[in-house]
Amino acid sequence: MAVTFASTNQNKYREVQSILSTHGISVDFAQVELIEIQSDSLEEIAKEKAKSAFAKVGRRPVIVEDDGLYVDALKGFPGQYSSHAFNTIGNEGILKLLVGSKDRLAHFRSLIAFFDGRTLSISEGRVAGRISDRITEGGWGYDPIFIPDYADLTFGQLREGKSKYSHRRKALEKFAQWYQKR
């Protein structure tokens, strides 16, 4: 069983490969820039990304991952715009937006979209938590400011422990179960 993970993010690839290998699924990496449509729906973005990736990697079974950080006090922002928000305001900007807010609840969503030219499948993982009041060491992306409900440390501080319970792991586990039954 093999799939191609299409992304520009080496960190995500390492995590995807590590998790899926425990299910006997071989993953190769296609480092490709994918078109990301603008949509209020993370599902629509992931579906279109998977179709684009399939065409770019030589029409072989492909998976892509799209995720978002949803902050309750910010009405779900940055959500499906998490990548753009991170590249423009970063973790510092998210913390500034929350200054004075007692509501720091948030959750991560991860979608794994599979496409093989015929079948399009979406697997979702979620992790609830809260936004810390400072940026910690370790991790990448929003890891240094997100504290999952099951811990007192940020994803960044958890380091390798993050992948045991992450939103991405949950989505990949669901994908693996679905993929092995096909």
Protein backbone atom coordinates (compact mmCIF):
# COMPACT_ATOMS: atom_id res chain seq x y z
CA MET A 1 0.00 0.00 0.00
CA ALA A 2 1.49 3.31 -1.06
CA VAL A 3 0.47 6.92 -1.43
CA THR A 4 2.22 10.14 -2.29
CA PHE A 5 2.07 13.02 0.16
CA ALA A 6 2.08 16.31 -1.75
CA SER A 7 3.20 19.42 0.11
CA THR A 8 6.01 21.92 0.46
CA ASN A 9 6.26 21.22 4.19
CA GLN A 10 8.99 18.73 5.14
CA ASN A 11 7.87 18.79 8.79
CA LYS A 12 4.40 17.58 7.83
CA TYR A 13 5.89 14.90 5.59
CA ARG A 14 8.04 13.48 8.39
CA GLU A 15 4.99 13.35 10.67
CA VAL A 16 2.78 11.78 7.97
CA GLN A 17 5.41 9.17 7.06
CA SER A 18 6.04 8.26 10.70
CA ILE A 19 2.35 7.76 11.48
CA LEU A 20 1.30 5.93 8.30
CA SER A 21 4.30 3.59 8.37
CA THR A 22 2.91 2.08 11.60
CA HIS A 23 -0.11 1.03 9.50
CA GLY A 24 1.98 -0.55 6.74
CA ILE A 25 1.33 2.35 4.36
CA SER A 26 4.35 3.52 2.41
CA VAL A 27 4.49 7.26 1.77
CA ASP A 28 6.68 9.04 -0.71
CA PHE A 29 7.03 12.82 -0.85
CA ALA A 30 6.27 15.11 -3.75
CA GLN A 31 7.50 18.57 -2.90
CA VAL A 32 5.10 20.60 -5.00
CA GLU A 33 3.50 23.98 -4.68
CA LEU A 34 -0.25 23.45 -4.69
CA ILE A 35 -2.94 25.90 -5.63
CA GLU A 36 -5.05 26.69 -2.60
CA ILE A 37 -8.46 28.06 -3.49
CA GLN A 38 -10.03 30.75 -1.33
CA SER A 39 -13.03 29.35 0.46
CA ASP A 40 -14.75 29.54 3.83
CA SER A 41 -14.76 25.72 3.81
CA LEU A 42 -11.65 23.83 4.86
CA GLU A 43 -13.19 20.74 3.19
CA GLU A 44 -13.48 22.49 -0.19
CA ILE A 45 -9.90 23.73 0.05
CA ALA A 46 -8.62 20.21 0.86
CA LYS A 47 -10.64 18.59 -1.96
CA GLU A 48 -9.34 21.01 -4.58
CA LYS A 49 -5.81 20.68 -3.25
CA ALA A 50 -6.01 16.88 -3.58
CA LYS A 51 -7.24 17.10 -7.18
CA SER A 52 -4.47 19.58 -8.04
CA ALA A 53 -1.87 17.37 -6.36
CA PHE A 54 -3.06 14.29 -8.26
CA ALA A 55 -2.49 16.07 -11.56
CA LYS A 56 0.94 17.37 -10.50
CA VAL A 57 2.38 14.10 -9.15
CA GLY A 58 1.77 12.03 -12.24
CA ARG A 59 -1.73 10.74 -11.63
CA ARG A 60 -0.94 8.38 -8.77
CA PRO A 61 -2.81 8.07 -5.45
CA VAL A 62 -2.14 11.18 -3.42
CA ILE A 63 -2.89 12.66 -0.04
CA VAL A 64 -2.71 16.26 1.06
CA GLU A 65 -3.19 17.78 4.47
CA ASP A 66 -4.88 21.03 5.30
CA ASP A 67 -5.39 22.30 8.77
CA GLY A 68 -6.47 25.29 10.73
CA LEU A 69 -6.32 26.82 14.17
CA TYR A 70 -9.74 28.03 15.28
CA VAL A 71 -9.77 30.52 18.19
CA ASP A 72 -13.16 30.91 19.87
CA ALA A 73 -12.68 34.52 21.02
CA LEU A 74 -11.75 35.46 17.43
CA LYS A 75 -14.89 33.81 16.02
CA GLY A 76 -12.87 30.96 14.56
CA PHE A 77 -10.07 33.09 13.10
CA PRO A 78 -7.59 32.24 11.67
CA GLY A 79 -9.33 28.95 10.73
CA GLN A 80 -8.91 28.03 7.08
CA TYR A 81 -6.72 31.13 6.68
CA SER A 82 -4.19 29.89 9.25
CA SER A 83 -1.28 29.68 6.84
CA HIS A 84 -1.81 33.21 5.57
CA ALA A 85 -2.32 34.54 9.11
CA PHE A 86 0.85 32.82 10.30
CA ASN A 87 2.84 34.26 7.39
CA THR A 88 1.53 37.78 8.01
CA ILE A 89 0.93 38.27 11.75
CA GLY A 90 2.49 35.11 13.18
CA ASN A 91 2.12 33.86 16.71
CA GLU A 92 2.84 37.35 18.04
CA GLY A 93 -0.17 38.69 16.15
CA ILE A 94 -2.52 36.01 17.48
CA LEU A 95 -1.39 36.77 21.05
CA LYS A 96 -1.90 40.51 20.46
CA LEU A 97 -5.43 39.87 19.20
CA LEU A 98 -6.16 38.04 22.46
CA VAL A 99 -4.75 40.65 24.86
CA GLY A 100 -7.30 41.19 27.62
CA SER A 101 -9.43 38.20 26.57
CA LYS A 102 -10.22 35.61 29.23
CA ASP A 103 -11.56 33.27 26.55
CA ARG A 104 -8.52 31.54 25.09
CA LEU A 105 -10.28 28.36 23.96
CA ALA A 106 -9.23 27.05 20.56
CA HIS A 107 -9.03 23.89 18.53
CA PHE A 108 -6.99 22.52 15.67
CA ARG A 109 -8.62 20.74 12.73
CA SER A 110 -6.70 18.63 10.27
CA LEU A 111 -8.10 17.20 7.05
CA ILE A 112 -6.36 14.47 5.08
CA ALA A 113 -7.72 14.46 1.54
CA PHE A 114 -7.08 11.39 -0.64
CA PHE A 115 -7.62 11.30 -4.41
CA ASP A 116 -6.73 8.58 -6.92
CA GLY A 117 -8.53 9.94 -9.98
CA ARG A 118 -11.84 8.34 -9.01
CA THR A 119 -12.27 8.34 -5.26
CA LEU A 120 -12.07 11.49 -3.15
CA SER A 121 -12.04 10.91 0.60
CA ILE A 122 -11.67 13.28 3.56
CA SER A 123 -10.54 12.19 7.04
CA GLU A 124 -10.72 14.68 9.89
CA GLY A 125 -8.93 15.02 13.21
CA ARG A 126 -9.50 17.59 15.95
CA VAL A 127 -7.76 18.57 19.15
CA ALA A 128 -9.30 20.99 21.63
CA GLY A 129 -7.19 23.28 23.77
CA ARG A 130 -6.37 26.88 24.47
CA ILE A 131 -3.97 29.61 23.43
CA SER A 132 -1.08 30.24 25.81
CA ASP A 133 -0.25 33.73 27.01
CA ARG A 134 3.29 33.58 25.62
CA ILE A 135 5.31 31.98 22.84
CA THR A 136 7.26 28.94 24.02
CA GLU A 137 10.26 27.13 22.57
CA GLY A 138 10.02 24.26 20.11
CA GLY A 139 7.76 23.11 17.34
CA TRP A 140 6.73 24.95 14.21
CA GLY A 141 3.75 26.99 13.08
CA TYR A 142 1.29 27.55 15.92
CA ASP A 143 2.85 24.80 18.09
CA PRO A 144 4.51 27.34 20.45
CA ILE A 145 1.15 28.91 21.44
CA PHE A 146 -1.34 26.00 21.46
CA ILE A 147 -1.89 24.02 24.67
CA PRO A 148 -3.97 20.87 24.08
CA ASP A 149 -6.57 19.95 26.71
CA TYR A 150 -4.64 16.85 27.74
CA ALA A 151 -1.48 18.79 28.69
CA ASP A 152 -0.11 21.82 30.51
CA LEU A 153 2.54 22.37 27.84
CA THR A 154 2.26 23.76 24.32
CA PHE A 155 2.59 21.48 21.31
CA GLY A 156 6.05 23.05 20.87
CA GLN A 157 7.12 22.08 24.38
CA LEU A 158 5.72 18.57 23.96
CA ARG A 159 8.09 18.09 21.01
CA GLU A 160 7.77 14.45 19.87
CA GLY A 161 4.94 13.91 22.37
CA LYS A 162 2.76 16.14 20.19
CA SER A 163 2.44 13.56 17.45
CA LYS A 164 0.92 11.00 19.83
CA TYR A 165 -2.25 13.08 20.20
CA SER A 166 -2.18 15.69 17.46
CA HIS A 167 -5.03 16.62 15.16
CA ARG A 168 -2.92 15.39 12.25
CA ARG A 169 -2.40 11.98 13.89
CA LYS A 170 -6.15 11.64 14.47
CA ALA A 171 -6.89 12.45 10.82
CA LEU A 172 -4.13 10.10 9.60
CA GLU A 173 -5.36 7.27 11.82
CA LYS A 174 -8.86 7.64 10.34
CA PHE A 175 -7.39 7.77 6.85
CA ALA A 176 -5.32 4.62 7.47
CA GLN A 177 -8.37 2.70 8.70
CA TRP A 178 -10.37 3.78 5.64
CA TYR A 179 -7.49 3.14 3.19
CA GLN A 180 -6.80 -0.38 4.45
CA LYS A 181 -10.47 -1.35 3.95
CA ARG A 182 -10.65 -0.22 0.31
